[in-house]
PDB file of N, CA and C in Angstrom:
ATOM      1  N   ALA A   1       0.849  -1.169   0.000  1.00  0.00           N
ATOM      2  CA  ALA A   1       0.000   0.000   0.000  1.00  0.00           C
ATOM      3  C   ALA A   1       0.895   1.233   0.000  1.00  0.00           C
ATOM      4  N   TYR A   2       0.432   2.301  -0.638  1.00  0.00           N
ATOM      5  CA  TYR A   2       1.202   3.541  -0.652  1.00  0.00           C
ATOM      6  C   TYR A   2       0.632   4.490   0.385  1.00  0.00           C
ATOM      7  N   ALA A   3       1.471   4.962   1.291  1.00  0.00           N
ATOM      8  CA  ALA A   3       1.072   5.912   2.331  1.00  0.00           C
ATOM      9  C   ALA A   3       1.823   7.214   2.098  1.00  0.00           C
ATOM     10  N   PRO A   4       1.103   8.296   1.762  1.00  0.00           N
ATOM     11  CA  PRO A   4       1.777   9.579   1.554  1.00  0.00           C
ATOM     12  C   PRO A   4       2.631   9.951   2.771  1.00  0.00           C
ATOM     13  N   GLY A   5       3.840  10.387   2.522  1.00  0.00           N
ATOM     14  CA  GLY A   5       4.750  10.749   3.600  1.00  0.00           C
ATOM     15  C   GLY A   5       5.607   9.592   4.073  1.00  0.00           C
ATOM     16  N   CYS A   6       5.149   8.364   3.838  1.00  0.00           N
ATOM     17  CA  CYS A   6       5.909   7.171   4.248  1.00  0.00           C
ATOM     18  C   CYS A   6       6.426   6.384   3.053  1.00  0.00           C
ATOM     19  N   GLY A   7       5.707   6.439   1.945  1.00  0.00           N
ATOM     20  CA  GLY A   7       6.062   5.643   0.779  1.00  0.00           C
ATOM     21  C   GLY A   7       5.314   4.322   0.783  1.00  0.00           C
ATOM     22  N   TRP A   8       5.898   3.335   0.142  1.00  0.00           N
ATOM     23  CA  TRP A   8       5.260   2.021   0.048  1.00  0.00           C
ATOM     24  C   TRP A   8       5.421   1.256   1.353  1.00  0.00           C
ATOM     25  N   ILE A   9       4.346   0.642   1.801  1.00  0.00           N
ATOM     26  CA  ILE A   9       4.329  -0.137   3.038  1.00  0.00           C
ATOM     27  C   ILE A   9       3.834  -1.541   2.701  1.00  0.00           C
ATOM     28  N   GLU A  10       4.566  -2.557   3.141  1.00  0.00           N
ATOM     29  CA  GLU A  10       4.147  -3.938   2.919  1.00  0.00           C
ATOM     30  C   GLU A  10       2.988  -4.240   3.854  1.00  0.00           C
ATOM     31  N   PHE A  11       1.864  -4.707   3.286  1.00  0.00           N
ATOM     32  CA  PHE A  11       0.673  -4.966   4.087  1.00  0.00           C
ATOM     33  C   PHE A  11       0.051  -6.282   3.664  1.00  0.00           C
ATOM     34  N   ASP A  12      -0.391  -7.070   4.641  1.00  0.00           N
ATOM     35  CA  ASP A  12      -1.053  -8.347   4.409  1.00  0.00           C
ATOM     36  C   ASP A  12      -2.542  -8.159   4.661  1.00  0.00           C
ATOM     37  N   PRO A  13      -3.353  -7.949   3.617  1.00  0.00           N
ATOM     38  CA  PRO A  13      -4.778  -7.714   3.833  1.00  0.00           C
ATOM     39  C   PRO A  13      -5.522  -8.951   4.322  1.00  0.00           C
ATOM     40  N   THR A  14      -5.009 -10.138   4.040  1.00  0.00           N
ATOM     41  CA  THR A  14      -5.668 -11.359   4.498  1.00  0.00           C
ATOM     42  C   THR A  14      -5.647 -11.455   6.012  1.00  0.00           C
ATOM     43  N   ASN A  15      -4.519 -11.107   6.629  1.00  0.00           N
ATOM     44  CA  ASN A  15      -4.379 -11.195   8.083  1.00  0.00           C
ATOM     45  C   ASN A  15      -4.460  -9.837   8.769  1.00  0.00           C
ATOM     46  N   ASN A  16      -4.740  -8.774   7.988  1.00  0.00           N
ATOM     47  CA  ASN A  16      -4.912  -7.424   8.521  1.00  0.00           C
ATOM     48  C   ASN A  16      -3.723  -6.986   9.376  1.00  0.00           C
ATOM     49  N   GLN A  17      -2.519  -7.103   8.804  1.00  0.00           N
ATOM     50  CA  GLN A  17      -1.320  -6.700   9.545  1.00  0.00           C
ATOM     51  C   GLN A  17      -0.219  -6.271   8.586  1.00  0.00           C
ATOM     52  N   LEU A  18       0.729  -5.519   9.121  1.00  0.00           N
ATOM     53  CA  LEU A  18       1.901  -5.143   8.341  1.00  0.00           C
ATOM     54  C   LEU A  18       2.798  -6.363   8.161  1.00  0.00           C
ATOM     55  N   ALA A  19       3.449  -6.448   7.008  1.00  0.00           N
ATOM     56  CA  ALA A  19       4.393  -7.536   6.778  1.00  0.00           C
ATOM     57  C   ALA A  19       5.672  -7.263   7.561  1.00  0.00           C
ATOM     58  N   ASP A  20       6.291  -8.324   8.048  1.00  0.00           N
ATOM     59  CA  ASP A  20       7.543  -8.194   8.795  1.00  0.00           C
ATOM     60  C   ASP A  20       8.546  -9.210   8.253  1.00  0.00           C
ATOM     61  N   THR A  21       9.548  -9.550   9.025  1.00  0.00           N
ATOM     62  CA  THR A  21      10.603 -10.451   8.550  1.00  0.00           C
ATOM     63  C   THR A  21      10.125 -11.888   8.352  1.00  0.00           C
ATOM     64  N   ARG A  22       8.926 -12.217   8.783  1.00  0.00           N
ATOM     65  CA  ARG A  22       8.394 -13.561   8.553  1.00  0.00           C
ATOM     66  C   ARG A  22       7.853 -13.728   7.137  1.00  0.00           C
ATOM     67  N   TYR A  23       7.743 -12.639   6.391  1.00  0.00           N
ATOM     68  CA  TYR A  23       7.178 -12.666   5.046  1.00  0.00           C
ATOM     69  C   TYR A  23       8.282 -12.768   4.007  1.00  0.00           C
ATOM     70  N   ILE A  24       7.994 -13.474   2.922  1.00  0.00           N
ATOM     71  CA  ILE A  24       8.935 -13.641   1.823  1.00  0.00           C
ATOM     72  C   ILE A  24       8.256 -13.147   0.552  1.00  0.00           C
ATOM     73  N   THR A  25       8.903 -12.252  -0.184  1.00  0.00           N
ATOM     74  CA  THR A  25       8.365 -11.781  -1.456  1.00  0.00           C
ATOM     75  C   THR A  25       8.541 -12.875  -2.496  1.00  0.00           C
ATOM     76  N   LEU A  26       7.436 -13.323  -3.061  1.00  0.00           N
ATOM     77  CA  LEU A  26       7.484 -14.357  -4.084  1.00  0.00           C
ATOM     78  C   LEU A  26       7.342 -13.796  -5.486  1.00  0.00           C
ATOM     79  N   ALA A  27       6.644 -12.673  -5.613  1.00  0.00           N
ATOM     80  CA  ALA A  27       6.434 -12.072  -6.930  1.00  0.00           C
ATOM     81  C   ALA A  27       5.984 -10.629  -6.768  1.00  0.00           C
ATOM     82  N   TRP A  28       6.202  -9.837  -7.819  1.00  0.00           N
ATOM     83  CA  TRP A  28       5.725  -8.454  -7.879  1.00  0.00           C
ATOM     84  C   TRP A  28       4.893  -8.314  -9.136  1.00  0.00           C
ATOM     85  N   GLY A  29       3.816  -7.576  -9.043  1.00  0.00           N
ATOM     86  CA  GLY A  29       3.002  -7.323 -10.220  1.00  0.00           C
ATOM     87  C   GLY A  29       1.988  -6.237  -9.959  1.00  0.00           C
ATOM     88  N   ALA A  30       1.381  -5.752 -11.031  1.00  0.00           N
ATOM     89  CA  ALA A  30       0.366  -4.708 -10.905  1.00  0.00           C
ATOM     90  C   ALA A  30      -0.908  -5.254 -10.275  1.00  0.00           C
ATOM     91  N   ASP A  31      -1.216  -6.517 -10.552  1.00  0.00           N
ATOM     92  CA  ASP A  31      -2.382  -7.165  -9.954  1.00  0.00           C
ATOM     93  C   ASP A  31      -2.159  -8.676  -9.975  1.00  0.00           C
ATOM     94  N   PHE A  32      -3.163  -9.426  -9.494  1.00  0.00           N
ATOM     95  CA  PHE A  32      -3.008 -10.877  -9.367  1.00  0.00           C
ATOM     96  C   PHE A  32      -2.693 -11.549 -10.706  1.00  0.00           C
ATOM     97  N   ALA A  33      -3.236 -11.033 -11.797  1.00  0.00           N
ATOM     98  CA  ALA A  33      -2.996 -11.646 -13.108  1.00  0.00           C
ATOM     99  C   ALA A  33      -1.511 -11.656 -13.475  1.00  0.00           C
ATOM    100  N   ASP A  34      -0.743 -10.717 -12.944  1.00  0.00           N
ATOM    101  CA  ASP A  34       0.699 -10.670 -13.223  1.00  0.00           C
ATOM    102  C   ASP A  34       1.490 -11.712 -12.444  1.00  0.00           C
ATOM    103  N   VAL A  35       0.928 -12.232 -11.370  1.00  0.00           N
ATOM    104  CA  VAL A  35       1.710 -13.090 -10.471  1.00  0.00           C
ATOM    105  C   VAL A  35       0.999 -14.396 -10.107  1.00  0.00           C
ATOM    106  N   VAL A  36       0.119 -14.875 -10.979  1.00  0.00           N
ATOM    107  CA  VAL A  36      -0.576 -16.122 -10.673  1.00  0.00           C
ATOM    108  C   VAL A  36       0.437 -17.252 -10.512  1.00  0.00           C
ATOM    109  N   PRO A  37       0.237 -18.140  -9.524  1.00  0.00           N
ATOM    110  CA  PRO A  37       1.214 -19.203  -9.290  1.00  0.00           C
ATOM    111  C   PRO A  37       1.245 -20.251 -10.396  1.00  0.00           C
ATOM    112  N   LEU A  38       0.130 -20.458 -11.062  1.00  0.00           N
ATOM    113  CA  LEU A  38       0.058 -21.438 -12.148  1.00  0.00           C
ATOM    114  C   LEU A  38      -0.655 -20.812 -13.328  1.00  0.00           C
ATOM    115  N   ARG A  39      -0.141 -21.054 -14.512  1.00  0.00           N
ATOM    116  CA  ARG A  39      -0.799 -20.535 -15.704  1.00  0.00           C
ATOM    117  C   ARG A  39      -0.554 -21.540 -16.820  1.00  0.00           C
ATOM    118  N   GLY A  40      -1.593 -21.880 -17.550  1.00  0.00           N
ATOM    119  CA  GLY A  40      -1.417 -22.802 -18.653  1.00  0.00           C
ATOM    120  C   GLY A  40      -2.673 -23.588 -18.939  1.00  0.00           C
ATOM    121  N   VAL A  41      -2.531 -24.583 -19.791  1.00  0.00           N
ATOM    122  CA  VAL A  41      -3.651 -25.413 -20.209  1.00  0.00           C
ATOM    123  C   VAL A  41      -3.217 -26.864 -20.110  1.00  0.00           C
ATOM    124  N   ILE A  42      -4.093 -27.698 -19.556  1.00  0.00           N
ATOM    125  CA  ILE A  42      -3.834 -29.140 -19.492  1.00  0.00           C
ATOM    126  C   ILE A  42      -4.877 -29.829 -20.356  1.00  0.00           C
ATOM    127  N   LEU A  43      -4.432 -30.627 -21.297  1.00  0.00           N
ATOM    128  CA  LEU A  43      -5.331 -31.408 -22.134  1.00  0.00           C
ATOM    129  C   LEU A  43      -5.111 -32.871 -21.822  1.00  0.00           C
ATOM    130  N   GLY A  44      -6.192 -33.590 -21.592  1.00  0.00           N
ATOM    131  CA  GLY A  44      -6.062 -35.005 -21.310  1.00  0.00           C
ATOM    132  C   GLY A  44      -7.096 -35.452 -20.302  1.00  0.00           C
ATOM    133  N   GLY A  45      -7.168 -36.716 -20.102  1.00  0.00           N
ATOM    134  CA  GLY A  45      -8.135 -37.264 -19.165  1.00  0.00           C
ATOM    135  C   GLY A  45      -7.443 -37.867 -17.971  1.00  0.00           C
ATOM    136  N   GLY A  46      -8.241 -38.459 -17.119  1.00  0.00           N
ATOM    137  CA  GLY A  46      -7.689 -39.109 -15.943  1.00  0.00           C
ATOM    138  C   GLY A  46      -7.419 -38.150 -14.815  1.00  0.00           C
ATOM    139  N   SER A  47      -6.895 -38.681 -13.748  1.00  0.00           N
ATOM    140  CA  SER A  47      -6.630 -37.854 -12.569  1.00  0.00           C
ATOM    141  C   SER A  47      -5.310 -37.112 -12.732  1.00  0.00           C
ATOM    142  N   GLN A  48      -5.206 -36.005 -12.058  1.00  0.00           N
ATOM    143  CA  GLN A  48      -4.005 -35.175 -12.102  1.00  0.00           C
ATOM    144  C   GLN A  48      -3.524 -34.937 -10.678  1.00  0.00           C
ATOM    145  N   SER A  49      -2.246 -34.768 -10.506  1.00  0.00           N
ATOM    146  CA  SER A  49      -1.703 -34.384  -9.202  1.00  0.00           C
ATOM    147  C   SER A  49      -0.454 -33.537  -9.434  1.00  0.00           C
ATOM    148  N   MET A  50      -0.142 -32.738  -8.440  1.00  0.00           N
ATOM    149  CA  MET A  50       1.041 -31.896  -8.530  1.00  0.00           C
ATOM    150  C   MET A  50       1.702 -31.870  -7.161  1.00  0.00           C
ATOM    151  N   GLN A  51       3.001 -31.957  -7.139  1.00  0.00           N
ATOM    152  CA  GLN A  51       3.747 -31.856  -5.895  1.00  0.00           C
ATOM    153  C   GLN A  51       4.754 -30.728  -6.036  1.00  0.00           C
ATOM    154  N   VAL A  52       4.904 -29.961  -4.964  1.00  0.00           N
ATOM    155  CA  VAL A  52       5.827 -28.832  -4.963  1.00  0.00           C
ATOM    156  C   VAL A  52       6.638 -28.870  -3.682  1.00  0.00           C
ATOM    157  N   ARG A  53       7.923 -28.586  -3.783  1.00  0.00           N
ATOM    158  CA  ARG A  53       8.781 -28.482  -2.606  1.00  0.00           C
ATOM    159  C   ARG A  53       9.560 -27.184  -2.725  1.00  0.00           C
ATOM    160  N   VAL A  54       9.598 -26.425  -1.654  1.00  0.00           N
ATOM    161  CA  VAL A  54      10.314 -25.154  -1.635  1.00  0.00           C
ATOM    162  C   VAL A  54      11.265 -25.151  -0.451  1.00  0.00           C
ATOM    163  N   THR A  55      12.504 -24.784  -0.682  1.00  0.00           N
ATOM    164  CA  THR A  55      13.482 -24.636   0.384  1.00  0.00           C
ATOM    165  C   THR A  55      13.863 -23.165   0.465  1.00  0.00           C
ATOM    166  N   VAL A  56      13.760 -22.594   1.653  1.00  0.00           N
ATOM    167  CA  VAL A  56      14.080 -21.186   1.857  1.00  0.00           C
ATOM    168  C   VAL A  56      15.333 -21.095   2.712  1.00  0.00           C
ATOM    169  N   VAL A  57      16.333 -20.369   2.206  1.00  0.00           N
ATOM    170  CA  VAL A  57      17.596 -20.207   2.910  1.00  0.00           C
ATOM    171  C   VAL A  57      17.858 -18.710   3.071  1.00  0.00           C
ATOM    172  N   PRO A  58      18.149 -18.256   4.282  1.00  0.00           N
ATOM    173  CA  PRO A  58      18.415 -16.825   4.459  1.00  0.00           C
ATOM    174  C   PRO A  58      19.696 -16.398   3.743  1.00  0.00           C
ATOM    175  N   VAL A  59      19.668 -15.208   3.177  1.00  0.00           N
ATOM    176  CA  VAL A  59      20.843 -14.641   2.526  1.00  0.00           C
ATOM    177  C   VAL A  59      21.632 -13.883   3.573  1.00  0.00           C
ATOM    178  N   GLU A  60      22.920 -14.160   3.649  1.00  0.00           N
ATOM    179  CA  GLU A  60      23.726 -13.511   4.687  1.00  0.00           C
ATOM    180  C   GLU A  60      24.619 -12.457   4.103  1.00  0.00           C
TER     181      GLU A  60
END
């Protein structure tokens, strides 16, 4: 969110709180369409599954 006099402030509207060091920036965009986690088309039948693993390491 942009606050006049302060500039841009990281805000979590889902949890109604300011972002702090527990938050990790995953993407930047003008709106959700710019940063959707999945985009594409799947053609085919049968069941589908997806597995994802993420490792986060602090930068020193």
